[in-house]
Amino acid sequence: MSLKERVEQDLKNAMRAQNKDEVRALRGIKSQILLAETEKGAGQSLSPDTEMSLLTKAAKQRKDSANLYHEQGRPDLAQIEEAELEIITKYLPEQMSEEDLEAHLKNLIVALGATGPQDMGKVMGQANQQLKGKADGATIAKMVKSMLIN
């Protein structure tokens, strides 16, 4: 079952259950999917990688908005964004723990023969490709940078 089909089915169920937060989040995901499909050409389904990047982007937007609302003293709006983020996260693969991420990055650095900060781009390219959807890009960059500098 594609992401679009899962979202449509879950949207129907959320509407029946009158779960406003879930309906709002799922409509947002469905809207992004439809926009991506029309960009590529009519009637074309999205690849799993494209679906994953849409979900990752939606989750990042909600997280950034929630942080911004907290900074501006608007916990009511932050709560809405956090509720949507929680729903979107259900569709993403499980995120790697820091220990697993660190071990994976250490192995990658050794495999690529990276020795210092000048190799960060090479490591980041491979890490982002291998860990797409499993870890946040900012977290990966921060960890790679600290590993290559030390």
C-alpha atoms as a PDB file:
ATOM      1  CA  MET A   1       0.000   0.000   0.000  1.00  0.00           C
ATOM      2  CA  SER A   2       1.433   3.359  -1.022  1.00  0.00           C
ATOM      3  CA  LEU A   3       1.733   6.281   1.352  1.00  0.00           C
ATOM      4  CA  LYS A   4      -1.080   8.071  -0.454  1.00  0.00           C
ATOM      5  CA  GLU A   5      -3.435   5.112   0.019  1.00  0.00           C
ATOM      6  CA  ARG A   6      -2.488   4.759   3.697  1.00  0.00           C
ATOM      7  CA  VAL A   7      -3.035   8.472   4.310  1.00  0.00           C
ATOM      8  CA  GLU A   8      -6.397   8.448   2.530  1.00  0.00           C
ATOM      9  CA  GLN A   9      -7.579   5.441   4.554  1.00  0.00           C
ATOM     10  CA  ASP A  10      -6.350   6.924   7.834  1.00  0.00           C
ATOM     11  CA  LEU A  11      -7.951  10.262   6.924  1.00  0.00           C
ATOM     12  CA  LYS A  12     -11.325   8.572   6.478  1.00  0.00           C
ATOM     13  CA  ASN A  13     -10.940   6.862   9.841  1.00  0.00           C
ATOM     14  CA  ALA A  14      -9.893  10.114  11.548  1.00  0.00           C
ATOM     15  CA  MET A  15     -12.884  11.917  10.050  1.00  0.00           C
ATOM     16  CA  ARG A  16     -15.220   9.210  11.319  1.00  0.00           C
ATOM     17  CA  ALA A  17     -13.628   9.456  14.774  1.00  0.00           C
ATOM     18  CA  GLN A  18     -13.784  13.285  14.584  1.00  0.00           C
ATOM     19  CA  ASN A  19     -10.112  13.582  15.536  1.00  0.00           C
ATOM     20  CA  LYS A  20      -9.407  17.159  14.435  1.00  0.00           C
ATOM     21  CA  ASP A  21      -5.633  17.068  14.970  1.00  0.00           C
ATOM     22  CA  GLU A  22      -5.225  13.890  12.960  1.00  0.00           C
ATOM     23  CA  VAL A  23      -7.512  15.132  10.180  1.00  0.00           C
ATOM     24  CA  ARG A  24      -5.525  18.382   9.911  1.00  0.00           C
ATOM     25  CA  ALA A  25      -2.159  16.572   9.815  1.00  0.00           C
ATOM     26  CA  LEU A  26      -3.299  13.965   7.297  1.00  0.00           C
ATOM     27  CA  ARG A  27      -4.830  16.592   5.032  1.00  0.00           C
ATOM     28  CA  GLY A  28      -1.498  18.400   5.065  1.00  0.00           C
ATOM     29  CA  ILE A  29       0.349  15.230   4.060  1.00  0.00           C
ATOM     30  CA  LYS A  30      -2.208  14.436   1.370  1.00  0.00           C
ATOM     31  CA  SER A  31      -1.885  17.973   0.010  1.00  0.00           C
ATOM     32  CA  GLN A  32       1.900  17.653  -0.238  1.00  0.00           C
ATOM     33  CA  ILE A  33       1.563  14.303  -2.006  1.00  0.00           C
ATOM     34  CA  LEU A  34      -0.903  15.716  -4.530  1.00  0.00           C
ATOM     35  CA  LEU A  35       1.316  18.734  -5.187  1.00  0.00           C
ATOM     36  CA  ALA A  36       4.340  16.489  -5.741  1.00  0.00           C
ATOM     37  CA  GLU A  37       2.379  14.272  -8.120  1.00  0.00           C
ATOM     38  CA  THR A  38       1.233  17.209 -10.220  1.00  0.00           C
ATOM     39  CA  GLU A  39       4.762  18.615 -10.391  1.00  0.00           C
ATOM     40  CA  LYS A  40       6.040  15.408 -11.973  1.00  0.00           C
ATOM     41  CA  GLY A  41       3.132  15.024 -14.383  1.00  0.00           C
ATOM     42  CA  ALA A  42      -0.478  13.954 -14.159  1.00  0.00           C
ATOM     43  CA  GLY A  43      -1.277  10.461 -12.898  1.00  0.00           C
ATOM     44  CA  GLN A  44       2.248   9.613 -11.836  1.00  0.00           C
ATOM     45  CA  SER A  45       2.759   7.920  -8.473  1.00  0.00           C
ATOM     46  CA  LEU A  46       5.642   8.889  -6.218  1.00  0.00           C
ATOM     47  CA  SER A  47       8.661   6.734  -5.450  1.00  0.00           C
ATOM     48  CA  PRO A  48       9.180   5.606  -1.846  1.00  0.00           C
ATOM     49  CA  ASP A  49      12.202   7.950  -1.610  1.00  0.00           C
ATOM     50  CA  THR A  50      10.112  10.926  -2.681  1.00  0.00           C
ATOM     51  CA  GLU A  51       7.384   9.969  -0.223  1.00  0.00           C
ATOM     52  CA  MET A  52       9.991   9.732   2.532  1.00  0.00           C
ATOM     53  CA  SER A  53      11.429  13.147   1.711  1.00  0.00           C
ATOM     54  CA  LEU A  54       7.921  14.680   1.747  1.00  0.00           C
ATOM     55  CA  LEU A  55       7.258  13.246   5.202  1.00  0.00           C
ATOM     56  CA  THR A  56      10.669  14.317   6.484  1.00  0.00           C
ATOM     57  CA  LYS A  57      10.083  17.834   5.185  1.00  0.00           C
ATOM     58  CA  ALA A  58       6.622  17.989   6.773  1.00  0.00           C
ATOM     59  CA  ALA A  59       7.992  16.775  10.115  1.00  0.00           C
ATOM     60  CA  LYS A  60      10.833  19.309  10.022  1.00  0.00           C
ATOM     61  CA  GLN A  61       8.390  22.127   9.239  1.00  0.00           C
ATOM     62  CA  ARG A  62       6.192  21.187  12.206  1.00  0.00           C
ATOM     63  CA  LYS A  63       9.188  20.895  14.530  1.00  0.00           C
ATOM     64  CA  ASP A  64      10.583  24.282  13.453  1.00  0.00           C
ATOM     65  CA  SER A  65       7.169  25.933  13.792  1.00  0.00           C
ATOM     66  CA  ALA A  66       6.642  24.471  17.267  1.00  0.00           C
ATOM     67  CA  ASN A  67      10.066  25.742  18.382  1.00  0.00           C
ATOM     68  CA  LEU A  68       9.300  29.187  16.974  1.00  0.00           C
ATOM     69  CA  TYR A  69       5.935  29.320  18.736  1.00  0.00           C
ATOM     70  CA  HIS A  70       7.574  28.319  22.025  1.00  0.00           C
ATOM     71  CA  GLU A  71      10.144  31.106  21.606  1.00  0.00           C
ATOM     72  CA  GLN A  72       7.375  33.621  20.957  1.00  0.00           C
ATOM     73  CA  GLY A  73       5.378  32.530  23.994  1.00  0.00           C
ATOM     74  CA  ARG A  74       2.548  30.873  22.064  1.00  0.00           C
ATOM     75  CA  PRO A  75       2.174  27.430  23.658  1.00  0.00           C
ATOM     76  CA  ASP A  76      -1.341  27.081  22.200  1.00  0.00           C
ATOM     77  CA  LEU A  77      -0.022  27.158  18.625  1.00  0.00           C
ATOM     78  CA  ALA A  78       3.044  25.093  19.542  1.00  0.00           C
ATOM     79  CA  GLN A  79       0.769  22.375  20.890  1.00  0.00           C
ATOM     80  CA  ILE A  80      -1.080  22.162  17.561  1.00  0.00           C
ATOM     81  CA  GLU A  81       2.197  21.808  15.651  1.00  0.00           C
ATOM     82  CA  GLU A  82       3.475  19.167  18.093  1.00  0.00           C
ATOM     83  CA  ALA A  83       0.245  17.161  17.743  1.00  0.00           C
ATOM     84  CA  GLU A  84       0.626  17.182  13.958  1.00  0.00           C
ATOM     85  CA  LEU A  85       4.303  16.244  14.270  1.00  0.00           C
ATOM     86  CA  GLU A  86       3.380  13.230  16.382  1.00  0.00           C
ATOM     87  CA  ILE A  87       0.947  12.031  13.714  1.00  0.00           C
ATOM     88  CA  ILE A  88       3.415  12.578  10.857  1.00  0.00           C
ATOM     89  CA  THR A  89       6.109  10.712  12.791  1.00  0.00           C
ATOM     90  CA  LYS A  90       3.947   7.557  12.683  1.00  0.00           C
ATOM     91  CA  TYR A  91       4.541   7.383   8.926  1.00  0.00           C
ATOM     92  CA  LEU A  92       8.310   7.823   9.157  1.00  0.00           C
ATOM     93  CA  PRO A  93      10.668   4.932   9.830  1.00  0.00           C
ATOM     94  CA  GLU A  94      11.920   4.647  13.375  1.00  0.00           C
ATOM     95  CA  GLN A  95      14.704   7.119  14.067  1.00  0.00           C
ATOM     96  CA  MET A  96      18.144   5.759  14.941  1.00  0.00           C
ATOM     97  CA  SER A  97      19.366   6.131  18.498  1.00  0.00           C
ATOM     98  CA  GLU A  98      22.406   8.342  19.084  1.00  0.00           C
ATOM     99  CA  GLU A  99      24.552   5.289  19.826  1.00  0.00           C
ATOM    100  CA  ASP A 100      23.528   3.527  16.614  1.00  0.00           C
ATOM    101  CA  LEU A 101      24.020   6.700  14.612  1.00  0.00           C
ATOM    102  CA  GLU A 102      27.452   7.281  16.114  1.00  0.00           C
ATOM    103  CA  ALA A 103      28.520   3.684  15.387  1.00  0.00           C
ATOM    104  CA  HIS A 104      27.254   3.919  11.798  1.00  0.00           C
ATOM    105  CA  LEU A 105      29.069   7.211  11.218  1.00  0.00           C
ATOM    106  CA  LYS A 106      32.322   5.878  12.696  1.00  0.00           C
ATOM    107  CA  ASN A 107      32.188   2.900  10.332  1.00  0.00           C
ATOM    108  CA  LEU A 108      31.419   5.198   7.406  1.00  0.00           C
ATOM    109  CA  ILE A 109      34.329   7.516   8.252  1.00  0.00           C
ATOM    110  CA  VAL A 110      36.709   4.548   8.405  1.00  0.00           C
ATOM    111  CA  ALA A 111      35.333   3.081   5.163  1.00  0.00           C
ATOM    112  CA  LEU A 112      35.754   6.388   3.325  1.00  0.00           C
ATOM    113  CA  GLY A 113      39.178   7.046   4.815  1.00  0.00           C
ATOM    114  CA  ALA A 114      38.147  10.470   6.088  1.00  0.00           C
ATOM    115  CA  THR A 115      40.827  12.068   8.225  1.00  0.00           C
ATOM    116  CA  GLY A 116      39.742  15.629   8.941  1.00  0.00           C
ATOM    117  CA  PRO A 117      37.260  18.443   8.395  1.00  0.00           C
ATOM    118  CA  GLN A 118      38.219  18.673   4.715  1.00  0.00           C
ATOM    119  CA  ASP A 119      36.462  15.298   4.195  1.00  0.00           C
ATOM    120  CA  MET A 120      33.176  16.392   5.770  1.00  0.00           C
ATOM    121  CA  GLY A 121      31.402  16.825   2.424  1.00  0.00           C
ATOM    122  CA  LYS A 122      32.350  13.337   1.288  1.00  0.00           C
ATOM    123  CA  VAL A 123      31.131  11.791   4.567  1.00  0.00           C
ATOM    124  CA  MET A 124      27.936  13.880   4.689  1.00  0.00           C
ATOM    125  CA  GLY A 125      26.974  12.917   1.151  1.00  0.00           C
ATOM    126  CA  GLN A 126      27.212   9.214   1.909  1.00  0.00           C
ATOM    127  CA  ALA A 127      25.656   9.551   5.378  1.00  0.00           C
ATOM    128  CA  ASN A 128      22.633  11.478   4.124  1.00  0.00           C
ATOM    129  CA  GLN A 129      22.097   8.963   1.350  1.00  0.00           C
ATOM    130  CA  GLN A 130      22.373   5.923   3.645  1.00  0.00           C
ATOM    131  CA  LEU A 131      20.437   7.358   6.582  1.00  0.00           C
ATOM    132  CA  LYS A 132      17.640   9.115   4.708  1.00  0.00           C
ATOM    133  CA  GLY A 133      14.591   9.208   6.958  1.00  0.00           C
ATOM    134  CA  LYS A 134      16.361   7.381   9.781  1.00  0.00           C
ATOM    135  CA  ALA A 135      18.172  10.372  11.265  1.00  0.00           C
ATOM    136  CA  ASP A 136      17.902  14.142  11.167  1.00  0.00           C
ATOM    137  CA  GLY A 137      20.358  15.844   8.798  1.00  0.00           C
ATOM    138  CA  ALA A 138      21.357  18.460  11.379  1.00  0.00           C
ATOM    139  CA  THR A 139      22.132  15.757  13.933  1.00  0.00           C
ATOM    140  CA  ILE A 140      24.199  13.845  11.380  1.00  0.00           C
ATOM    141  CA  ALA A 141      26.144  16.989  10.439  1.00  0.00           C
ATOM    142  CA  LYS A 142      26.824  17.880  14.070  1.00  0.00           C
ATOM    143  CA  MET A 143      28.065  14.377  14.866  1.00  0.00           C
ATOM    144  CA  VAL A 144      30.220  14.077  11.722  1.00  0.00           C
ATOM    145  CA  LYS A 145      31.781  17.460  12.405  1.00  0.00           C
ATOM    146  CA  SER A 146      32.685  16.541  15.977  1.00  0.00           C
ATOM    147  CA  MET A 147      34.132  13.184  14.865  1.00  0.00           C
ATOM    148  CA  LEU A 148      36.273  14.692  12.109  1.00  0.00           C
ATOM    149  CA  ILE A 149      37.599  17.553  14.220  1.00  0.00           C
ATOM    150  CA  ASN A 150      38.633  15.357  17.153  1.00  0.00           C
END
